[in-house]
All heavy atoms as atom14 arrays in JSON, in Angstrom:
{
  "sequence": "GLDSDVIVAEVRATSHKPDEIYGMIERLSPGTRKIELFGRPHNIQPN",
  "atom14_mask": [
    [1, 1, 1, 1, 0, 0, 0, 0, 0, 0, 0, 0, 0, 0],
    [1, 1, 1, 1, 1, 1, 1, 1, 0, 0, 0, 0, 0, 0],
    [1, 1, 1, 1, 1, 1, 1, 1, 0, 0, 0, 0, 0, 0],
    [1, 1, 1, 1, 1, 1, 0, 0, 0, 0, 0, 0, 0, 0],
    [1, 1, 1, 1, 1, 1, 1, 1, 0, 0, 0, 0, 0, 0],
    [1, 1, 1, 1, 1, 1, 1, 0, 0, 0, 0, 0, 0, 0],
    [1, 1, 1, 1, 1, 1, 1, 1, 0, 0, 0, 0, 0, 0],
    [1, 1, 1, 1, 1, 1, 1, 0, 0, 0, 0, 0, 0, 0],
    [1, 1, 1, 1, 1, 0, 0, 0, 0, 0, 0, 0, 0, 0],
    [1, 1, 1, 1, 1, 1, 1, 1, 1, 0, 0, 0, 0, 0],
    [1, 1, 1, 1, 1, 1, 1, 0, 0, 0, 0, 0, 0, 0],
    [1, 1, 1, 1, 1, 1, 1, 1, 1, 1, 1, 0, 0, 0],
    [1, 1, 1, 1, 1, 0, 0, 0, 0, 0, 0, 0, 0, 0],
    [1, 1, 1, 1, 1, 1, 1, 0, 0, 0, 0, 0, 0, 0],
    [1, 1, 1, 1, 1, 1, 0, 0, 0, 0, 0, 0, 0, 0],
    [1, 1, 1, 1, 1, 1, 1, 1, 1, 1, 0, 0, 0, 0],
    [1, 1, 1, 1, 1, 1, 1, 1, 1, 0, 0, 0, 0, 0],
    [1, 1, 1, 1, 1, 1, 1, 0, 0, 0, 0, 0, 0, 0],
    [1, 1, 1, 1, 1, 1, 1, 1, 0, 0, 0, 0, 0, 0],
    [1, 1, 1, 1, 1, 1, 1, 1, 1, 0, 0, 0, 0, 0],
    [1, 1, 1, 1, 1, 1, 1, 1, 0, 0, 0, 0, 0, 0],
    [1, 1, 1, 1, 1, 1, 1, 1, 1, 1, 1, 1, 0, 0],
    [1, 1, 1, 1, 0, 0, 0, 0, 0, 0, 0, 0, 0, 0],
    [1, 1, 1, 1, 1, 1, 1, 1, 0, 0, 0, 0, 0, 0],
    [1, 1, 1, 1, 1, 1, 1, 1, 0, 0, 0, 0, 0, 0],
    [1, 1, 1, 1, 1, 1, 1, 1, 1, 0, 0, 0, 0, 0],
    [1, 1, 1, 1, 1, 1, 1, 1, 1, 1, 1, 0, 0, 0],
    [1, 1, 1, 1, 1, 1, 1, 1, 0, 0, 0, 0, 0, 0],
    [1, 1, 1, 1, 1, 1, 0, 0, 0, 0, 0, 0, 0, 0],
    [1, 1, 1, 1, 1, 1, 1, 0, 0, 0, 0, 0, 0, 0],
    [1, 1, 1, 1, 0, 0, 0, 0, 0, 0, 0, 0, 0, 0],
    [1, 1, 1, 1, 1, 1, 1, 0, 0, 0, 0, 0, 0, 0],
    [1, 1, 1, 1, 1, 1, 1, 1, 1, 1, 1, 0, 0, 0],
    [1, 1, 1, 1, 1, 1, 1, 1, 1, 0, 0, 0, 0, 0],
    [1, 1, 1, 1, 1, 1, 1, 1, 0, 0, 0, 0, 0, 0],
    [1, 1, 1, 1, 1, 1, 1, 1, 1, 0, 0, 0, 0, 0],
    [1, 1, 1, 1, 1, 1, 1, 1, 0, 0, 0, 0, 0, 0],
    [1, 1, 1, 1, 1, 1, 1, 1, 1, 1, 1, 0, 0, 0],
    [1, 1, 1, 1, 0, 0, 0, 0, 0, 0, 0, 0, 0, 0],
    [1, 1, 1, 1, 1, 1, 1, 1, 1, 1, 1, 0, 0, 0],
    [1, 1, 1, 1, 1, 1, 1, 0, 0, 0, 0, 0, 0, 0],
    [1, 1, 1, 1, 1, 1, 1, 1, 1, 1, 0, 0, 0, 0],
    [1, 1, 1, 1, 1, 1, 1, 1, 0, 0, 0, 0, 0, 0],
    [1, 1, 1, 1, 1, 1, 1, 1, 0, 0, 0, 0, 0, 0],
    [1, 1, 1, 1, 1, 1, 1, 1, 1, 0, 0, 0, 0, 0],
    [1, 1, 1, 1, 1, 1, 1, 0, 0, 0, 0, 0, 0, 0],
    [1, 1, 1, 1, 1, 1, 1, 1, 0, 0, 0, 0, 0, 0]
  ],
  "atom14_positions": [
    [[-122.2, 139.9, 40.54], [-122.54, 139.6, 39.16], [-121.7, 140.28, 38.1], [-122.06, 140.26, 36.92], [0.0, 0.0, 0.0], [0.0, 0.0, 0.0], [0.0, 0.0, 0.0], [0.0, 0.0, 0.0], [0.0, 0.0, 0.0], [0.0, 0.0, 0.0], [0.0, 0.0, 0.0], [0.0, 0.0, 0.0], [0.0, 0.0, 0.0], [0.0, 0.0, 0.0]],
    [[-120.57, 140.89, 38.47], [-119.75, 141.58, 37.47], [-118.82, 140.64, 36.71], [-118.53, 140.84, 35.54], [-118.9, 142.68, 38.13], [-119.65, 143.9, 38.68], [-118.65, 144.88, 39.27], [-120.47, 144.57, 37.59], [0.0, 0.0, 0.0], [0.0, 0.0, 0.0], [0.0, 0.0, 0.0], [0.0, 0.0, 0.0], [0.0, 0.0, 0.0], [0.0, 0.0, 0.0]],
    [[-118.33, 139.62, 37.4], [-117.31, 138.75, 36.81], [-117.78, 137.3, 36.75], [-118.69, 136.89, 37.47], [-116.01, 138.82, 37.63], [-115.24, 140.09, 37.39], [-114.52, 140.16, 36.38], [-115.37, 141.03, 38.19], [0.0, 0.0, 0.0], [0.0, 0.0, 0.0], [0.0, 0.0, 0.0], [0.0, 0.0, 0.0], [0.0, 0.0, 0.0], [0.0, 0.0, 0.0]],
    [[-117.1, 136.54, 35.89], [-117.36, 135.12, 35.76], [-116.58, 134.35, 36.84], [-115.62, 134.87, 37.41], [-116.93, 134.63, 34.37], [-116.9, 133.22, 34.32], [0.0, 0.0, 0.0], [0.0, 0.0, 0.0], [0.0, 0.0, 0.0], [0.0, 0.0, 0.0], [0.0, 0.0, 0.0], [0.0, 0.0, 0.0], [0.0, 0.0, 0.0], [0.0, 0.0, 0.0]],
    [[-117.01, 133.12, 37.1], [-116.29, 132.28, 38.06], [-115.18, 131.47, 37.39], [-114.62, 130.56, 38.0], [-117.25, 131.35, 38.81], [-118.0, 130.4, 37.88], [-117.84, 130.54, 36.64], [-118.74, 129.54, 38.37], [0.0, 0.0, 0.0], [0.0, 0.0, 0.0], [0.0, 0.0, 0.0], [0.0, 0.0, 0.0], [0.0, 0.0, 0.0], [0.0, 0.0, 0.0]],
    [[-114.85, 131.82, 36.15], [-113.78, 131.15, 35.42], [-112.73, 132.17, 34.99], [-113.08, 133.2, 34.4], [-114.31, 130.4, 34.18], [-113.15, 129.77, 33.4], [-115.31, 129.33, 34.59], [0.0, 0.0, 0.0], [0.0, 0.0, 0.0], [0.0, 0.0, 0.0], [0.0, 0.0, 0.0], [0.0, 0.0, 0.0], [0.0, 0.0, 0.0], [0.0, 0.0, 0.0]],
    [[-111.47, 131.92, 35.33], [-110.34, 132.73, 34.85], [-109.55, 131.86, 33.89], [-109.14, 130.75, 34.23], [-109.43, 133.17, 36.01], [-110.19, 134.08, 36.97], [-108.2, 133.89, 35.48], [-109.38, 134.44, 38.22], [0.0, 0.0, 0.0], [0.0, 0.0, 0.0], [0.0, 0.0, 0.0], [0.0, 0.0, 0.0], [0.0, 0.0, 0.0], [0.0, 0.0, 0.0]],
    [[-109.35, 132.34, 32.68], [-108.5, 131.64, 31.71], [-107.23, 132.48, 31.57], [-107.28, 133.61, 31.09], [-109.2, 131.49, 30.35], [-108.29, 130.77, 29.36], [-110.53, 130.74, 30.51], [0.0, 0.0, 0.0], [0.0, 0.0, 0.0], [0.0, 0.0, 0.0], [0.0, 0.0, 0.0], [0.0, 0.0, 0.0], [0.0, 0.0, 0.0], [0.0, 0.0, 0.0]],
    [[-106.12, 131.95, 32.07], [-104.9, 132.76, 32.11], [-103.67, 131.88, 32.01], [-103.68, 130.7, 32.36], [-104.84, 133.57, 33.41], [0.0, 0.0, 0.0], [0.0, 0.0, 0.0], [0.0, 0.0, 0.0], [0.0, 0.0, 0.0], [0.0, 0.0, 0.0], [0.0, 0.0, 0.0], [0.0, 0.0, 0.0], [0.0, 0.0, 0.0], [0.0, 0.0, 0.0]],
    [[-102.59, 132.49, 31.53], [-101.34, 131.78, 31.29], [-100.66, 131.37, 32.59], [-100.71, 132.1, 33.59], [-100.41, 132.72, 30.5], [-99.12, 132.1, 30.01], [-98.32, 133.07, 29.16], [-98.94, 133.93, 28.49], [-97.07, 132.97, 29.16], [0.0, 0.0, 0.0], [0.0, 0.0, 0.0], [0.0, 0.0, 0.0], [0.0, 0.0, 0.0], [0.0, 0.0, 0.0]],
    [[-100.06, 130.19, 32.6], [-99.29, 129.75, 33.76], [-98.02, 130.58, 33.87], [-97.47, 131.04, 32.88], [-98.93, 128.25, 33.68], [-100.17, 127.39, 33.77], [-98.14, 127.94, 32.42], [0.0, 0.0, 0.0], [0.0, 0.0, 0.0], [0.0, 0.0, 0.0], [0.0, 0.0, 0.0], [0.0, 0.0, 0.0], [0.0, 0.0, 0.0], [0.0, 0.0, 0.0]],
    [[-97.56, 130.73, 35.09], [-96.34, 131.49, 35.35], [-95.41, 130.61, 36.17], [-95.4, 129.4, 36.01], [-96.71, 132.8, 36.05], [-97.61, 133.7, 35.16], [-98.14, 134.9, 35.93], [-98.89, 135.81, 35.08], [-100.19, 135.69, 34.81], [-100.88, 134.69, 35.33], [-100.81, 136.55, 34.03], [0.0, 0.0, 0.0], [0.0, 0.0, 0.0], [0.0, 0.0, 0.0]],
    [[-94.65, 131.2, 37.06], [-93.73, 130.42, 37.89], [-94.54, 129.53, 38.83], [-95.74, 129.72, 39.03], [-92.83, 131.36, 38.69], [0.0, 0.0, 0.0], [0.0, 0.0, 0.0], [0.0, 0.0, 0.0], [0.0, 0.0, 0.0], [0.0, 0.0, 0.0], [0.0, 0.0, 0.0], [0.0, 0.0, 0.0], [0.0, 0.0, 0.0], [0.0, 0.0, 0.0]],
    [[-93.87, 128.55, 39.44], [-94.54, 127.63, 40.34], [-95.32, 128.38, 41.42], [-94.79, 129.28, 42.07], [-93.5, 126.72, 41.02], [-92.81, 125.99, 40.01], [-94.17, 125.73, 41.97], [0.0, 0.0, 0.0], [0.0, 0.0, 0.0], [0.0, 0.0, 0.0], [0.0, 0.0, 0.0], [0.0, 0.0, 0.0], [0.0, 0.0, 0.0], [0.0, 0.0, 0.0]],
    [[-96.59, 128.02, 41.58], [-97.47, 128.56, 42.61], [-97.85, 130.03, 42.39], [-98.44, 130.65, 43.26], [-96.86, 128.39, 44.01], [-97.81, 128.63, 45.01], [0.0, 0.0, 0.0], [0.0, 0.0, 0.0], [0.0, 0.0, 0.0], [0.0, 0.0, 0.0], [0.0, 0.0, 0.0], [0.0, 0.0, 0.0], [0.0, 0.0, 0.0], [0.0, 0.0, 0.0]],
    [[-97.51, 130.6, 41.23], [-97.89, 131.98, 40.92], [-99.3, 131.98, 40.35], [-99.53, 131.54, 39.23], [-96.88, 132.57, 39.92], [-97.08, 134.03, 39.67], [-96.06, 134.84, 39.22], [-98.15, 134.85, 39.79], [-96.51, 136.08, 39.08], [-97.78, 136.09, 39.41], [0.0, 0.0, 0.0], [0.0, 0.0, 0.0], [0.0, 0.0, 0.0], [0.0, 0.0, 0.0]],
    [[-100.24, 132.47, 41.13], [-101.63, 132.48, 40.71], [-101.89, 133.63, 39.73], [-101.11, 134.58, 39.65], [-102.54, 132.6, 41.94], [-102.4, 131.43, 42.9], [-102.66, 130.1, 42.21], [-102.66, 128.92, 43.16], [-101.32, 128.53, 43.64], [0.0, 0.0, 0.0], [0.0, 0.0, 0.0], [0.0, 0.0, 0.0], [0.0, 0.0, 0.0], [0.0, 0.0, 0.0]],
    [[-102.98, 133.58, 38.97], [-103.22, 134.61, 37.96], [-103.46, 135.99, 38.57], [-104.25, 136.13, 39.52], [-104.48, 134.1, 37.23], [-105.14, 133.19, 38.2], [-104.04, 132.56, 39.0], [0.0, 0.0, 0.0], [0.0, 0.0, 0.0], [0.0, 0.0, 0.0], [0.0, 0.0, 0.0], [0.0, 0.0, 0.0], [0.0, 0.0, 0.0], [0.0, 0.0, 0.0]],
    [[-102.79, 136.99, 38.03], [-102.95, 138.35, 38.54], [-104.37, 138.88, 38.31], [-104.8, 139.84, 38.96], [-101.95, 139.29, 37.84], [-100.51, 138.92, 38.17], [-100.28, 138.35, 39.26], [-99.62, 139.19, 37.34], [0.0, 0.0, 0.0], [0.0, 0.0, 0.0], [0.0, 0.0, 0.0], [0.0, 0.0, 0.0], [0.0, 0.0, 0.0], [0.0, 0.0, 0.0]],
    [[-105.11, 138.26, 37.4], [-106.48, 138.69, 37.12], [-107.38, 138.64, 38.35], [-108.4, 139.33, 38.41], [-107.08, 137.82, 36.01], [-106.51, 138.06, 34.63], [-105.21, 137.31, 34.36], [-104.62, 136.74, 35.31], [-104.76, 137.3, 33.2], [0.0, 0.0, 0.0], [0.0, 0.0, 0.0], [0.0, 0.0, 0.0], [0.0, 0.0, 0.0], [0.0, 0.0, 0.0]],
    [[-107.01, 137.82, 39.34], [-107.83, 137.68, 40.54], [-107.94, 138.99, 41.3], [-108.97, 139.29, 41.92], [-107.28, 136.56, 41.45], [-108.27, 136.22, 42.58], [-105.93, 136.95, 42.03], [-109.46, 135.46, 42.14], [0.0, 0.0, 0.0], [0.0, 0.0, 0.0], [0.0, 0.0, 0.0], [0.0, 0.0, 0.0], [0.0, 0.0, 0.0], [0.0, 0.0, 0.0]],
    [[-106.89, 139.84, 41.25], [-106.91, 141.1, 41.98], [-107.95, 142.07, 41.41], [-108.67, 142.73, 42.16], [-105.53, 141.75, 41.99], [-104.49, 140.93, 42.71], [-103.55, 140.18, 42.01], [-104.46, 140.88, 44.1], [-102.6, 139.41, 42.66], [-103.51, 140.11, 44.77], [-102.59, 139.37, 44.03], [-101.66, 138.6, 44.69], [0.0, 0.0, 0.0], [0.0, 0.0, 0.0]],
    [[-108.02, 142.14, 40.09], [-109.03, 143.0, 39.47], [-110.43, 142.52, 39.78], [-111.34, 143.32, 40.04], [0.0, 0.0, 0.0], [0.0, 0.0, 0.0], [0.0, 0.0, 0.0], [0.0, 0.0, 0.0], [0.0, 0.0, 0.0], [0.0, 0.0, 0.0], [0.0, 0.0, 0.0], [0.0, 0.0, 0.0], [0.0, 0.0, 0.0], [0.0, 0.0, 0.0]],
    [[-110.6, 141.21, 39.76], [-111.91, 140.62, 40.08], [-112.34, 140.99, 41.5], [-113.48, 141.4, 41.75], [-111.84, 139.1, 39.92], [-113.13, 138.38, 40.27], [-112.96, 136.58, 40.17], [-112.74, 136.35, 38.41], [0.0, 0.0, 0.0], [0.0, 0.0, 0.0], [0.0, 0.0, 0.0], [0.0, 0.0, 0.0], [0.0, 0.0, 0.0], [0.0, 0.0, 0.0]],
    [[-111.41, 140.87, 42.45], [-111.73, 141.16, 43.85], [-112.0, 142.65, 44.04], [-112.92, 143.04, 44.77], [-110.59, 140.68, 44.77], [-110.56, 139.15, 44.79], [-110.75, 141.23, 46.17], [-109.39, 138.56, 45.55], [0.0, 0.0, 0.0], [0.0, 0.0, 0.0], [0.0, 0.0, 0.0], [0.0, 0.0, 0.0], [0.0, 0.0, 0.0], [0.0, 0.0, 0.0]],
    [[-111.22, 143.5, 43.38], [-111.42, 144.95, 43.53], [-112.76, 145.38, 42.97], [-113.44, 146.25, 43.53], [-110.28, 145.72, 42.86], [-110.28, 147.21, 43.15], [-110.13, 147.53, 44.64], [-109.44, 146.79, 45.36], [-110.74, 148.53, 45.09], [0.0, 0.0, 0.0], [0.0, 0.0, 0.0], [0.0, 0.0, 0.0], [0.0, 0.0, 0.0], [0.0, 0.0, 0.0]],
    [[-113.18, 144.78, 41.86], [-114.49, 145.12, 41.31], [-115.61, 144.64, 42.23], [-116.66, 145.27, 42.33], [-114.65, 144.51, 39.92], [-113.81, 145.2, 38.85], [-114.09, 144.66, 37.46], [-113.64, 143.29, 37.27], [-112.42, 142.95, 36.88], [-111.51, 143.89, 36.67], [-112.09, 141.68, 36.71], [0.0, 0.0, 0.0], [0.0, 0.0, 0.0], [0.0, 0.0, 0.0]],
    [[-115.39, 143.53, 42.9], [-116.4, 142.97, 43.8], [-116.5, 143.8, 45.08], [-117.6, 144.04, 45.59], [-116.04, 141.53, 44.14], [-116.99, 140.76, 45.06], [-118.37, 140.63, 44.43], [-116.41, 139.38, 45.37], [0.0, 0.0, 0.0], [0.0, 0.0, 0.0], [0.0, 0.0, 0.0], [0.0, 0.0, 0.0], [0.0, 0.0, 0.0], [0.0, 0.0, 0.0]],
    [[-115.36, 144.24, 45.6], [-115.34, 144.99, 46.86], [-114.4, 146.18, 46.73], [-113.28, 146.18, 47.25], [-114.88, 144.06, 48.0], [-114.87, 144.73, 49.25], [0.0, 0.0, 0.0], [0.0, 0.0, 0.0], [0.0, 0.0, 0.0], [0.0, 0.0, 0.0], [0.0, 0.0, 0.0], [0.0, 0.0, 0.0], [0.0, 0.0, 0.0], [0.0, 0.0, 0.0]],
    [[-114.82, 147.23, 46.01], [-113.92, 148.34, 45.7], [-113.6, 149.2, 46.93], [-114.44, 149.48, 47.77], [-114.71, 149.15, 44.67], [-116.13, 148.83, 44.94], [-116.15, 147.4, 45.39], [0.0, 0.0, 0.0], [0.0, 0.0, 0.0], [0.0, 0.0, 0.0], [0.0, 0.0, 0.0], [0.0, 0.0, 0.0], [0.0, 0.0, 0.0], [0.0, 0.0, 0.0]],
    [[-112.32, 149.6, 47.01], [-111.9, 150.56, 48.02], [-111.92, 150.06, 49.44], [-111.91, 150.87, 50.36], [0.0, 0.0, 0.0], [0.0, 0.0, 0.0], [0.0, 0.0, 0.0], [0.0, 0.0, 0.0], [0.0, 0.0, 0.0], [0.0, 0.0, 0.0], [0.0, 0.0, 0.0], [0.0, 0.0, 0.0], [0.0, 0.0, 0.0], [0.0, 0.0, 0.0]],
    [[-111.92, 148.75, 49.64], [-111.95, 148.22, 51.0], [-110.58, 147.7, 51.41], [-109.69, 147.53, 50.58], [-112.98, 147.08, 51.11], [-112.68, 146.07, 50.15], [-114.4, 147.59, 50.87], [0.0, 0.0, 0.0], [0.0, 0.0, 0.0], [0.0, 0.0, 0.0], [0.0, 0.0, 0.0], [0.0, 0.0, 0.0], [0.0, 0.0, 0.0], [0.0, 0.0, 0.0]],
    [[-110.43, 147.4, 52.68], [-109.16, 146.93, 53.22], [-108.99, 145.45, 52.93], [-109.86, 144.65, 53.22], [-109.16, 147.18, 54.73], [-107.79, 147.31, 55.35], [-107.87, 147.99, 56.72], [-106.53, 148.06, 57.3], [-106.11, 147.28, 58.28], [-106.93, 146.39, 58.82], [-104.88, 147.39, 58.75], [0.0, 0.0, 0.0], [0.0, 0.0, 0.0], [0.0, 0.0, 0.0]],
    [[-107.82, 145.08, 52.36], [-107.61, 143.7, 51.9], [-106.26, 143.18, 52.38], [-105.3, 143.94, 52.51], [-107.69, 143.63, 50.37], [-109.03, 144.14, 49.8], [-109.0, 144.18, 48.29], [-110.35, 144.64, 47.74], [-110.59, 146.08, 47.99], [0.0, 0.0, 0.0], [0.0, 0.0, 0.0], [0.0, 0.0, 0.0], [0.0, 0.0, 0.0], [0.0, 0.0, 0.0]],
    [[-106.19, 141.87, 52.6], [-104.96, 141.25, 53.07], [-104.74, 139.92, 52.35], [-105.7, 139.2, 52.07], [-104.99, 141.03, 54.6], [-103.61, 140.58, 55.11], [-106.08, 140.03, 55.01], [-103.47, 140.66, 56.62], [0.0, 0.0, 0.0], [0.0, 0.0, 0.0], [0.0, 0.0, 0.0], [0.0, 0.0, 0.0], [0.0, 0.0, 0.0], [0.0, 0.0, 0.0]],
    [[-103.47, 139.63, 52.02], [-103.13, 138.36, 51.39], [-102.16, 137.6, 52.29], [-101.17, 138.16, 52.76], [-102.5, 138.58, 50.01], [-102.11, 137.27, 49.33], [-101.83, 137.4, 47.85], [-101.81, 138.54, 47.34], [-101.62, 136.35, 47.2], [0.0, 0.0, 0.0], [0.0, 0.0, 0.0], [0.0, 0.0, 0.0], [0.0, 0.0, 0.0], [0.0, 0.0, 0.0]],
    [[-102.46, 136.32, 52.5], [-101.64, 135.46, 53.34], [-100.81, 134.53, 52.47], [-101.27, 134.06, 51.44], [-102.53, 134.63, 54.27], [-103.62, 135.39, 55.03], [-104.39, 134.45, 55.94], [-103.05, 136.55, 55.83], [0.0, 0.0, 0.0], [0.0, 0.0, 0.0], [0.0, 0.0, 0.0], [0.0, 0.0, 0.0], [0.0, 0.0, 0.0], [0.0, 0.0, 0.0]],
    [[-99.59, 134.25, 52.91], [-98.65, 133.4, 52.19], [-98.23, 134.04, 50.86], [-97.98, 133.36, 49.88], [-99.22, 132.0, 51.93], [-99.67, 131.3, 53.18], [-101.02, 131.24, 53.51], [-98.74, 130.71, 54.03], [-101.44, 130.6, 54.67], [-99.15, 130.08, 55.2], [-100.51, 130.02, 55.52], [0.0, 0.0, 0.0], [0.0, 0.0, 0.0], [0.0, 0.0, 0.0]],
    [[-98.15, 135.37, 50.85], [-97.78, 136.08, 49.63], [-96.27, 136.09, 49.42], [-95.48, 135.84, 50.33], [0.0, 0.0, 0.0], [0.0, 0.0, 0.0], [0.0, 0.0, 0.0], [0.0, 0.0, 0.0], [0.0, 0.0, 0.0], [0.0, 0.0, 0.0], [0.0, 0.0, 0.0], [0.0, 0.0, 0.0], [0.0, 0.0, 0.0], [0.0, 0.0, 0.0]],
    [[-95.89, 136.39, 48.2], [-94.49, 136.52, 47.81], [-94.3, 137.88, 47.14], [-95.28, 138.6, 46.91], [-94.09, 135.37, 46.88], [-94.09, 134.01, 47.58], [-93.6, 132.91, 46.66], [-94.58, 132.59, 45.62], [-94.3, 131.86, 44.56], [-93.09, 131.39, 44.36], [-95.24, 131.59, 43.67], [0.0, 0.0, 0.0], [0.0, 0.0, 0.0], [0.0, 0.0, 0.0]],
    [[-93.07, 138.27, 46.8], [-92.86, 139.61, 46.24], [-93.75, 139.93, 45.04], [-94.17, 141.08, 44.87], [-91.38, 139.59, 45.85], [-90.75, 138.67, 46.86], [-91.78, 137.58, 47.08], [0.0, 0.0, 0.0], [0.0, 0.0, 0.0], [0.0, 0.0, 0.0], [0.0, 0.0, 0.0], [0.0, 0.0, 0.0], [0.0, 0.0, 0.0], [0.0, 0.0, 0.0]],
    [[-94.06, 138.92, 44.2], [-94.89, 139.23, 43.04], [-96.34, 139.5, 43.4], [-97.12, 139.94, 42.55], [-94.81, 138.09, 42.0], [-95.4, 136.8, 42.47], [-94.64, 135.72, 42.84], [-96.69, 136.41, 42.63], [-95.42, 134.72, 43.21], [-96.68, 135.12, 43.09], [0.0, 0.0, 0.0], [0.0, 0.0, 0.0], [0.0, 0.0, 0.0], [0.0, 0.0, 0.0]],
    [[-96.73, 139.24, 44.65], [-98.12, 139.41, 45.06], [-98.45, 140.81, 45.57], [-99.63, 141.14, 45.7], [-98.49, 138.41, 46.16], [-98.44, 136.97, 45.7], [-97.68, 136.16, 46.22], [-99.25, 136.64, 44.71], [0.0, 0.0, 0.0], [0.0, 0.0, 0.0], [0.0, 0.0, 0.0], [0.0, 0.0, 0.0], [0.0, 0.0, 0.0], [0.0, 0.0, 0.0]],
    [[-97.45, 141.61, 45.9], [-97.74, 142.9, 46.54], [-98.57, 143.77, 45.6], [-98.3, 143.87, 44.41], [-96.46, 143.61, 47.0], [-95.54, 143.93, 45.82], [-95.72, 142.78, 48.04], [-94.35, 144.79, 46.21], [0.0, 0.0, 0.0], [0.0, 0.0, 0.0], [0.0, 0.0, 0.0], [0.0, 0.0, 0.0], [0.0, 0.0, 0.0], [0.0, 0.0, 0.0]],
    [[-99.61, 144.4, 46.17], [-100.56, 145.18, 45.4], [-100.97, 146.42, 46.18], [-101.06, 146.38, 47.41], [-101.83, 144.35, 45.13], [-101.64, 143.07, 44.35], [-101.43, 143.31, 42.87], [-101.99, 144.25, 42.31], [-100.65, 142.46, 42.24], [0.0, 0.0, 0.0], [0.0, 0.0, 0.0], [0.0, 0.0, 0.0], [0.0, 0.0, 0.0], [0.0, 0.0, 0.0]],
    [[-101.28, 147.53, 45.49], [-101.84, 148.7, 46.19], [-103.13, 148.31, 46.91], [-103.93, 147.51, 46.41], [-102.12, 149.69, 45.05], [-101.22, 149.26, 43.94], [-101.1, 147.77, 44.06], [0.0, 0.0, 0.0], [0.0, 0.0, 0.0], [0.0, 0.0, 0.0], [0.0, 0.0, 0.0], [0.0, 0.0, 0.0], [0.0, 0.0, 0.0], [0.0, 0.0, 0.0]],
    [[-103.3, 148.88, 48.1], [-104.5, 148.65, 48.91], [-104.53, 147.25, 49.52], [-105.55, 146.86, 50.08], [-105.78, 148.91, 48.11], [-106.96, 149.2, 49.02], [-106.8, 149.8, 50.07], [-108.14, 148.78, 48.63], [0.0, 0.0, 0.0], [0.0, 0.0, 0.0], [0.0, 0.0, 0.0], [0.0, 0.0, 0.0], [0.0, 0.0, 0.0], [0.0, 0.0, 0.0]]
  ]
}
C-alpha cells in the first residue's frame, strides 16, 4: 500500500523502462535479493 499502480514518467530510449520502478520495488521489498532479466547497461542497480 505504499505506492500507486500508475507510473507517469518521461519516455527514454527504445525499450528503456522508467527508473521509478526500482524505487517502487525497493519500498515494497526493502533489503532483499533482487534480479533483473534481459537487462542492459542502464539497468544495473545496487542490490
